[in-house]
PDB file of all heavy atoms in Angstrom:
ATOM      1  N   ALA A   1      91.835 332.141   2.102  1.00  0.00           N
ATOM      2  CA  ALA A   1      91.485 332.181   3.526  1.00  0.00           C
ATOM      3  C   ALA A   1      91.930 330.953   4.321  1.00  0.00           C
ATOM      4  O   ALA A   1      92.327 331.090   5.473  1.00  0.00           O
ATOM      5  CB  ALA A   1      89.986 332.393   3.688  1.00  0.00           C
ATOM      6  N   PRO A   2      91.905 329.727   3.747  1.00  0.00           N
ATOM      7  CA  PRO A   2      92.293 328.566   4.532  1.00  0.00           C
ATOM      8  C   PRO A   2      93.728 328.595   5.034  1.00  0.00           C
ATOM      9  O   PRO A   2      94.083 327.852   5.933  1.00  0.00           O
ATOM     10  CB  PRO A   2      92.099 327.390   3.568  1.00  0.00           C
ATOM     11  CG  PRO A   2      91.101 327.862   2.596  1.00  0.00           C
ATOM     12  CD  PRO A   2      91.323 329.335   2.470  1.00  0.00           C
ATOM     13  N   LEU A   3      94.579 329.461   4.491  1.00  0.00           N
ATOM     14  CA  LEU A   3      95.958 329.536   4.956  1.00  0.00           C
ATOM     15  C   LEU A   3      96.031 329.993   6.406  1.00  0.00           C
ATOM     16  O   LEU A   3      96.997 329.701   7.097  1.00  0.00           O
ATOM     17  CB  LEU A   3      96.759 330.500   4.064  1.00  0.00           C
ATOM     18  CG  LEU A   3      96.887 330.112   2.599  1.00  0.00           C
ATOM     19  CD1 LEU A   3      97.602 331.218   1.830  1.00  0.00           C
ATOM     20  CD2 LEU A   3      97.618 328.798   2.449  1.00  0.00           C
ATOM     21  N   ILE A   4      95.022 330.673   6.866  1.00  0.00           N
ATOM     22  CA  ILE A   4      95.008 331.224   8.214  1.00  0.00           C
ATOM     23  C   ILE A   4      94.376 330.242   9.205  1.00  0.00           C
ATOM     24  O   ILE A   4      94.607 330.318  10.390  1.00  0.00           O
ATOM     25  CB  ILE A   4      94.224 332.562   8.207  1.00  0.00           C
ATOM     26  CG1 ILE A   4      94.848 333.510   7.189  1.00  0.00           C
ATOM     27  CG2 ILE A   4      94.186 333.195   9.570  1.00  0.00           C
ATOM     28  CD1 ILE A   4      93.985 334.697   6.839  1.00  0.00           C
ATOM     29  N   VAL A   5      93.610 329.300   8.720  1.00  0.00           N
ATOM     30  CA  VAL A   5      92.821 328.396   9.552  1.00  0.00           C
ATOM     31  C   VAL A   5      93.608 327.106   9.813  1.00  0.00           C
ATOM     32  O   VAL A   5      94.350 326.645   8.960  1.00  0.00           O
ATOM     33  CB  VAL A   5      91.492 328.087   8.830  1.00  0.00           C
ATOM     34  CG1 VAL A   5      90.657 327.105   9.602  1.00  0.00           C
ATOM     35  CG2 VAL A   5      90.727 329.375   8.612  1.00  0.00           C
ATOM     36  N   PRO A   6      93.444 326.500  10.993  1.00  0.00           N
ATOM     37  CA  PRO A   6      94.136 325.247  11.293  1.00  0.00           C
ATOM     38  C   PRO A   6      93.811 324.134  10.289  1.00  0.00           C
ATOM     39  O   PRO A   6      92.757 324.124   9.659  1.00  0.00           O
ATOM     40  CB  PRO A   6      93.605 324.873  12.687  1.00  0.00           C
ATOM     41  CG  PRO A   6      93.064 326.124  13.256  1.00  0.00           C
ATOM     42  CD  PRO A   6      92.643 326.982  12.098  1.00  0.00           C
ATOM     43  N   ILE A   7      94.726 323.169  10.183  1.00  0.00           N
ATOM     44  CA  ILE A   7      94.628 322.089   9.200  1.00  0.00           C
ATOM     45  C   ILE A   7      93.336 321.280   9.281  1.00  0.00           C
ATOM     46  O   ILE A   7      92.770 320.961   8.244  1.00  0.00           O
ATOM     47  CB  ILE A   7      95.867 321.169   9.290  1.00  0.00           C
ATOM     48  CG1 ILE A   7      97.074 321.959   8.813  1.00  0.00           C
ATOM     49  CG2 ILE A   7      95.692 319.903   8.483  1.00  0.00           C
ATOM     50  CD1 ILE A   7      98.387 321.258   8.987  1.00  0.00           C
ATOM     51  N   PRO A   8      92.814 320.920  10.460  1.00  0.00           N
ATOM     52  CA  PRO A   8      91.573 320.128  10.470  1.00  0.00           C
ATOM     53  C   PRO A   8      90.411 320.785   9.741  1.00  0.00           C
ATOM     54  O   PRO A   8      89.542 320.121   9.208  1.00  0.00           O
ATOM     55  CB  PRO A   8      91.250 319.957  11.949  1.00  0.00           C
ATOM     56  CG  PRO A   8      92.532 320.155  12.654  1.00  0.00           C
ATOM     57  CD  PRO A   8      93.331 321.108  11.814  1.00  0.00           C
ATOM     58  N   PHE A   9      90.416 322.092   9.719  1.00  0.00           N
ATOM     59  CA  PHE A   9      89.331 322.798   9.050  1.00  0.00           C
ATOM     60  C   PHE A   9      89.583 322.978   7.559  1.00  0.00           C
ATOM     61  O   PHE A   9      88.732 323.467   6.837  1.00  0.00           O
ATOM     62  CB  PHE A   9      89.091 324.163   9.695  1.00  0.00           C
ATOM     63  CG  PHE A   9      88.635 324.056  11.117  1.00  0.00           C
ATOM     64  CD1 PHE A   9      89.478 324.418  12.158  1.00  0.00           C
ATOM     65  CD2 PHE A   9      87.368 323.570  11.426  1.00  0.00           C
ATOM     66  CE1 PHE A   9      89.063 324.311  13.469  1.00  0.00           C
ATOM     67  CE2 PHE A   9      86.945 323.465  12.734  1.00  0.00           C
ATOM     68  CZ  PHE A   9      87.796 323.831  13.761  1.00  0.00           C
ATOM     69  N   SER A  10      90.763 322.581   7.081  1.00  0.00           N
ATOM     70  CA  SER A  10      91.083 322.808   5.671  1.00  0.00           C
ATOM     71  C   SER A  10      90.194 321.985   4.743  1.00  0.00           C
ATOM     72  O   SER A  10      89.945 322.392   3.615  1.00  0.00           O
ATOM     73  CB  SER A  10      92.558 322.521   5.391  1.00  0.00           C
ATOM     74  OG  SER A  10      92.821 321.149   5.499  1.00  0.00           O
ATOM     75  N   PHE A  11      89.720 320.813   5.200  1.00  0.00           N
ATOM     76  CA  PHE A  11      88.817 320.041   4.353  1.00  0.00           C
ATOM     77  C   PHE A  11      87.512 320.799   4.107  1.00  0.00           C
ATOM     78  O   PHE A  11      86.946 320.718   3.035  1.00  0.00           O
ATOM     79  CB  PHE A  11      88.526 318.662   4.945  1.00  0.00           C
ATOM     80  CG  PHE A  11      89.633 317.695   4.701  1.00  0.00           C
ATOM     81  CD1 PHE A  11      90.368 317.194   5.749  1.00  0.00           C
ATOM     82  CD2 PHE A  11      89.951 317.299   3.410  1.00  0.00           C
ATOM     83  CE1 PHE A  11      91.405 316.312   5.521  1.00  0.00           C
ATOM     84  CE2 PHE A  11      90.984 316.412   3.172  1.00  0.00           C
ATOM     85  CZ  PHE A  11      91.713 315.918   4.236  1.00  0.00           C
ATOM     86  N   TYR A  12      87.064 321.541   5.120  1.00  0.00           N
ATOM     87  CA  TYR A  12      85.886 322.380   4.927  1.00  0.00           C
ATOM     88  C   TYR A  12      86.136 323.355   3.786  1.00  0.00           C
ATOM     89  O   TYR A  12      85.327 323.494   2.883  1.00  0.00           O
ATOM     90  CB  TYR A  12      85.547 323.148   6.210  1.00  0.00           C
ATOM     91  CG  TYR A  12      84.671 324.348   5.953  1.00  0.00           C
ATOM     92  CD1 TYR A  12      83.310 324.192   5.727  1.00  0.00           C
ATOM     93  CD2 TYR A  12      85.204 325.632   5.899  1.00  0.00           C
ATOM     94  CE1 TYR A  12      82.502 325.284   5.470  1.00  0.00           C
ATOM     95  CE2 TYR A  12      84.405 326.722   5.639  1.00  0.00           C
ATOM     96  CZ  TYR A  12      83.058 326.545   5.426  1.00  0.00           C
ATOM     97  OH  TYR A  12      82.271 327.627   5.169  1.00  0.00           O
ATOM     98  N   PHE A  13      87.284 324.023   3.835  1.00  0.00           N
ATOM     99  CA  PHE A  13      87.585 325.010   2.805  1.00  0.00           C
ATOM    100  C   PHE A  13      87.825 324.360   1.452  1.00  0.00           C
ATOM    101  O   PHE A  13      87.431 324.892   0.427  1.00  0.00           O
ATOM    102  CB  PHE A  13      88.798 325.856   3.204  1.00  0.00           C
ATOM    103  CG  PHE A  13      88.464 326.866   4.252  1.00  0.00           C
ATOM    104  CD1 PHE A  13      88.896 326.705   5.555  1.00  0.00           C
ATOM    105  CD2 PHE A  13      87.701 327.971   3.943  1.00  0.00           C
ATOM    106  CE1 PHE A  13      88.586 327.636   6.521  1.00  0.00           C
ATOM    107  CE2 PHE A  13      87.366 328.911   4.906  1.00  0.00           C
ATOM    108  CZ  PHE A  13      87.822 328.740   6.196  1.00  0.00           C
ATOM    109  N   ASP A  14      88.485 323.202   1.454  1.00  0.00           N
ATOM    110  CA  ASP A  14      88.783 322.541   0.183  1.00  0.00           C
ATOM    111  C   ASP A  14      87.533 322.028  -0.506  1.00  0.00           C
ATOM    112  O   ASP A  14      87.409 322.122  -1.718  1.00  0.00           O
ATOM    113  CB  ASP A  14      89.756 321.371   0.397  1.00  0.00           C
ATOM    114  CG  ASP A  14      91.161 321.855   0.689  1.00  0.00           C
ATOM    115  OD1 ASP A  14      91.448 323.031   0.395  1.00  0.00           O
ATOM    116  OD2 ASP A  14      91.961 321.057   1.195  1.00  0.00           O
ATOM    117  N   ILE A  15      86.610 321.487   0.248  1.00  0.00           N
ATOM    118  CA  ILE A  15      85.423 320.884  -0.369  1.00  0.00           C
ATOM    119  C   ILE A  15      84.247 321.857  -0.360  1.00  0.00           C
ATOM    120  O   ILE A  15      83.823 322.337  -1.409  1.00  0.00           O
ATOM    121  CB  ILE A  15      85.035 319.566   0.347  1.00  0.00           C
ATOM    122  CG1 ILE A  15      86.163 318.548   0.198  1.00  0.00           C
ATOM    123  CG2 ILE A  15      83.737 319.007  -0.210  1.00  0.00           C
ATOM    124  CD1 ILE A  15      86.000 317.316   1.046  1.00  0.00           C
ATOM    125  N   PHE A  16      83.725 322.135   0.818  1.00  0.00           N
ATOM    126  CA  PHE A  16      82.503 322.929   0.921  1.00  0.00           C
ATOM    127  C   PHE A  16      82.691 324.346   0.399  1.00  0.00           C
ATOM    128  O   PHE A  16      81.948 324.811  -0.459  1.00  0.00           O
ATOM    129  CB  PHE A  16      82.017 322.940   2.375  1.00  0.00           C
ATOM    130  CG  PHE A  16      80.736 323.680   2.574  1.00  0.00           C
ATOM    131  CD1 PHE A  16      79.542 323.156   2.099  1.00  0.00           C
ATOM    132  CD2 PHE A  16      80.710 324.905   3.218  1.00  0.00           C
ATOM    133  CE1 PHE A  16      78.349 323.830   2.272  1.00  0.00           C
ATOM    134  CE2 PHE A  16      79.532 325.587   3.395  1.00  0.00           C
ATOM    135  CZ  PHE A  16      78.342 325.050   2.921  1.00  0.00           C
ATOM    136  N   ASP A  17      83.685 325.038   0.913  1.00  0.00           N
ATOM    137  CA  ASP A  17      83.882 326.426   0.519  1.00  0.00           C
ATOM    138  C   ASP A  17      84.295 326.535  -0.949  1.00  0.00           C
ATOM    139  O   ASP A  17      83.882 327.462  -1.643  1.00  0.00           O
ATOM    140  CB  ASP A  17      84.930 327.102   1.416  1.00  0.00           C
ATOM    141  CG  ASP A  17      84.918 328.603   1.268  1.00  0.00           C
ATOM    142  OD1 ASP A  17      83.827 329.194   1.377  1.00  0.00           O
ATOM    143  OD2 ASP A  17      85.987 329.178   1.007  1.00  0.00           O
ATOM    144  N   GLY A  18      85.078 325.584  -1.440  1.00  0.00           N
ATOM    145  CA  GLY A  18      85.471 325.600  -2.848  1.00  0.00           C
ATOM    146  C   GLY A  18      84.277 325.485  -3.772  1.00  0.00           C
ATOM    147  O   GLY A  18      84.188 326.178  -4.789  1.00  0.00           O
ATOM    148  N   LEU A  19      83.339 324.615  -3.424  1.00  0.00           N
ATOM    149  CA  LEU A  19      82.131 324.454  -4.240  1.00  0.00           C
ATOM    150  C   LEU A  19      81.184 325.644  -4.078  1.00  0.00           C
ATOM    151  O   LEU A  19      80.547 326.070  -5.037  1.00  0.00           O
ATOM    152  CB  LEU A  19      81.424 323.145  -3.890  1.00  0.00           C
ATOM    153  CG  LEU A  19      82.199 321.876  -4.252  1.00  0.00           C
ATOM    154  CD1 LEU A  19      81.455 320.643  -3.778  1.00  0.00           C
ATOM    155  CD2 LEU A  19      82.473 321.813  -5.744  1.00  0.00           C
ATOM    156  N   ILE A  20      81.116 326.180  -2.866  1.00  0.00           N
ATOM    157  CA  ILE A  20      80.280 327.354  -2.628  1.00  0.00           C
ATOM    158  C   ILE A  20      80.801 328.540  -3.445  1.00  0.00           C
ATOM    159  O   ILE A  20      80.020 329.295  -4.020  1.00  0.00           O
ATOM    160  CB  ILE A  20      80.229 327.713  -1.122  1.00  0.00           C
ATOM    161  CG1 ILE A  20      79.427 326.674  -0.361  1.00  0.00           C
ATOM    162  CG2 ILE A  20      79.667 329.110  -0.899  1.00  0.00           C
ATOM    163  CD1 ILE A  20      77.952 326.633  -0.706  1.00  0.00           C
ATOM    164  N   GLN A  21      82.115 328.690  -3.518  1.00  0.00           N
ATOM    165  CA  GLN A  21      82.671 329.801  -4.283  1.00  0.00           C
ATOM    166  C   GLN A  21      82.388 329.651  -5.775  1.00  0.00           C
ATOM    167  O   GLN A  21      82.126 330.638  -6.461  1.00  0.00           O
ATOM    168  CB  GLN A  21      84.167 329.948  -4.021  1.00  0.00           C
ATOM    169  CG  GLN A  21      84.470 330.482  -2.645  1.00  0.00           C
ATOM    170  CD  GLN A  21      83.592 331.668  -2.289  1.00  0.00           C
ATOM    171  OE1 GLN A  21      83.499 332.640  -3.038  1.00  0.00           O
ATOM    172  NE2 GLN A  21      82.925 331.598  -1.152  1.00  0.00           N
ATOM    173  N   ALA A  22      82.437 328.435  -6.278  1.00  0.00           N
ATOM    174  CA  ALA A  22      82.068 328.204  -7.681  1.00  0.00           C
ATOM    175  C   ALA A  22      80.607 328.595  -7.887  1.00  0.00           C
ATOM    176  O   ALA A  22      80.266 329.271  -8.859  1.00  0.00           O
ATOM    177  CB  ALA A  22      82.289 326.734  -8.054  1.00  0.00           C
ATOM    178  N   TYR A  23      79.759 328.179  -6.962  1.00  0.00           N
ATOM    179  CA  TYR A  23      78.336 328.497  -7.030  1.00  0.00           C
ATOM    180  C   TYR A  23      78.108 330.005  -7.004  1.00  0.00           C
ATOM    181  O   TYR A  23      77.374 330.552  -7.826  1.00  0.00           O
ATOM    182  CB  TYR A  23      77.604 327.809  -5.869  1.00  0.00           C
ATOM    183  CG  TYR A  23      76.183 328.271  -5.683  1.00  0.00           C
ATOM    184  CD1 TYR A  23      75.173 327.794  -6.507  1.00  0.00           C
ATOM    185  CD2 TYR A  23      75.846 329.197  -4.709  1.00  0.00           C
ATOM    186  CE1 TYR A  23      73.865 328.224  -6.357  1.00  0.00           C
ATOM    187  CE2 TYR A  23      74.548 329.636  -4.547  1.00  0.00           C
ATOM    188  CZ  TYR A  23      73.561 329.141  -5.369  1.00  0.00           C
ATOM    189  OH  TYR A  23      72.277 329.581  -5.222  1.00  0.00           O
ATOM    190  N   VAL A  24      78.731 330.695  -6.064  1.00  0.00           N
ATOM    191  CA  VAL A  24      78.530 332.138  -5.912  1.00  0.00           C
ATOM    192  C   VAL A  24      79.004 332.873  -7.167  1.00  0.00           C
ATOM    193  O   VAL A  24      78.316 333.771  -7.663  1.00  0.00           O
ATOM    194  CB  VAL A  24      79.246 332.668  -4.648  1.00  0.00           C
ATOM    195  CG1 VAL A  24      79.312 334.182  -4.629  1.00  0.00           C
ATOM    196  CG2 VAL A  24      78.565 332.153  -3.394  1.00  0.00           C
ATOM    197  N   PHE A  25      80.158 332.491  -7.688  1.00  0.00           N
ATOM    198  CA  PHE A  25      80.704 333.167  -8.866  1.00  0.00           C
ATOM    199  C   PHE A  25      79.758 333.052 -10.057  1.00  0.00           C
ATOM    200  O   PHE A  25      79.413 334.048 -10.682  1.00  0.00           O
ATOM    201  CB  PHE A  25      82.073 332.570  -9.215  1.00  0.00           C
ATOM    202  CG  PHE A  25      82.803 333.320 -10.294  1.00  0.00           C
ATOM    203  CD1 PHE A  25      83.680 334.329  -9.963  1.00  0.00           C
ATOM    204  CD2 PHE A  25      82.612 333.015 -11.633  1.00  0.00           C
ATOM    205  CE1 PHE A  25      84.360 335.029 -10.953  1.00  0.00           C
ATOM    206  CE2 PHE A  25      83.277 333.701 -12.631  1.00  0.00           C
ATOM    207  CZ  PHE A  25      84.156 334.715 -12.282  1.00  0.00           C
ATOM    208  N   VAL A  26      79.318 331.840 -10.363  1.00  0.00           N
ATOM    209  CA  VAL A  26      78.450 331.671 -11.538  1.00  0.00           C
ATOM    210  C   VAL A  26      77.031 332.161 -11.248  1.00  0.00           C
ATOM    211  O   VAL A  26      76.350 332.620 -12.162  1.00  0.00           O
ATOM    212  CB  VAL A  26      78.441 330.220 -12.074  1.00  0.00           C
ATOM    213  CG1 VAL A  26      79.802 329.855 -12.626  1.00  0.00           C
ATOM    214  CG2 VAL A  26      77.998 329.237 -11.039  1.00  0.00           C
ATOM    215  N   PHE A  27      76.590 332.104 -10.014  1.00  0.00           N
ATOM    216  CA  PHE A  27      75.274 332.630  -9.647  1.00  0.00           C
ATOM    217  C   PHE A  27      75.232 334.136  -9.889  1.00  0.00           C
ATOM    218  O   PHE A  27      74.294 334.653 -10.502  1.00  0.00           O
ATOM    219  CB  PHE A  27      74.956 332.299  -8.180  1.00  0.00           C
ATOM    220  CG  PHE A  27      73.595 332.732  -7.736  1.00  0.00           C
ATOM    221  CD1 PHE A  27      72.478 331.984  -8.057  1.00  0.00           C
ATOM    222  CD2 PHE A  27      73.426 333.891  -6.992  1.00  0.00           C
ATOM    223  CE1 PHE A  27      71.206 332.374  -7.651  1.00  0.00           C
ATOM    224  CE2 PHE A  27      72.172 334.295  -6.583  1.00  0.00           C
ATOM    225  CZ  PHE A  27      71.054 333.535  -6.913  1.00  0.00           C
ATOM    226  N   LEU A  28      76.255 334.841  -9.416  1.00  0.00           N
ATOM    227  CA  LEU A  28      76.312 336.281  -9.638  1.00  0.00           C
ATOM    228  C   LEU A  28      76.444 336.612 -11.116  1.00  0.00           C
ATOM    229  O   LEU A  28      75.804 337.536 -11.613  1.00  0.00           O
ATOM    230  CB  LEU A  28      77.472 336.894  -8.851  1.00  0.00           C
ATOM    231  CG  LEU A  28      77.295 336.947  -7.340  1.00  0.00           C
ATOM    232  CD1 LEU A  28      78.572 337.433  -6.665  1.00  0.00           C
ATOM    233  CD2 LEU A  28      76.121 337.832  -6.967  1.00  0.00           C
TER     234      LEU A  28
END
């Protein structure tokens, strides 16, 4: 998804969203 979003927001996807996705995957 971050490929579609402007560069300033990529840190959100790299850090927060990346960790959230790890959490969601193992939580499920």
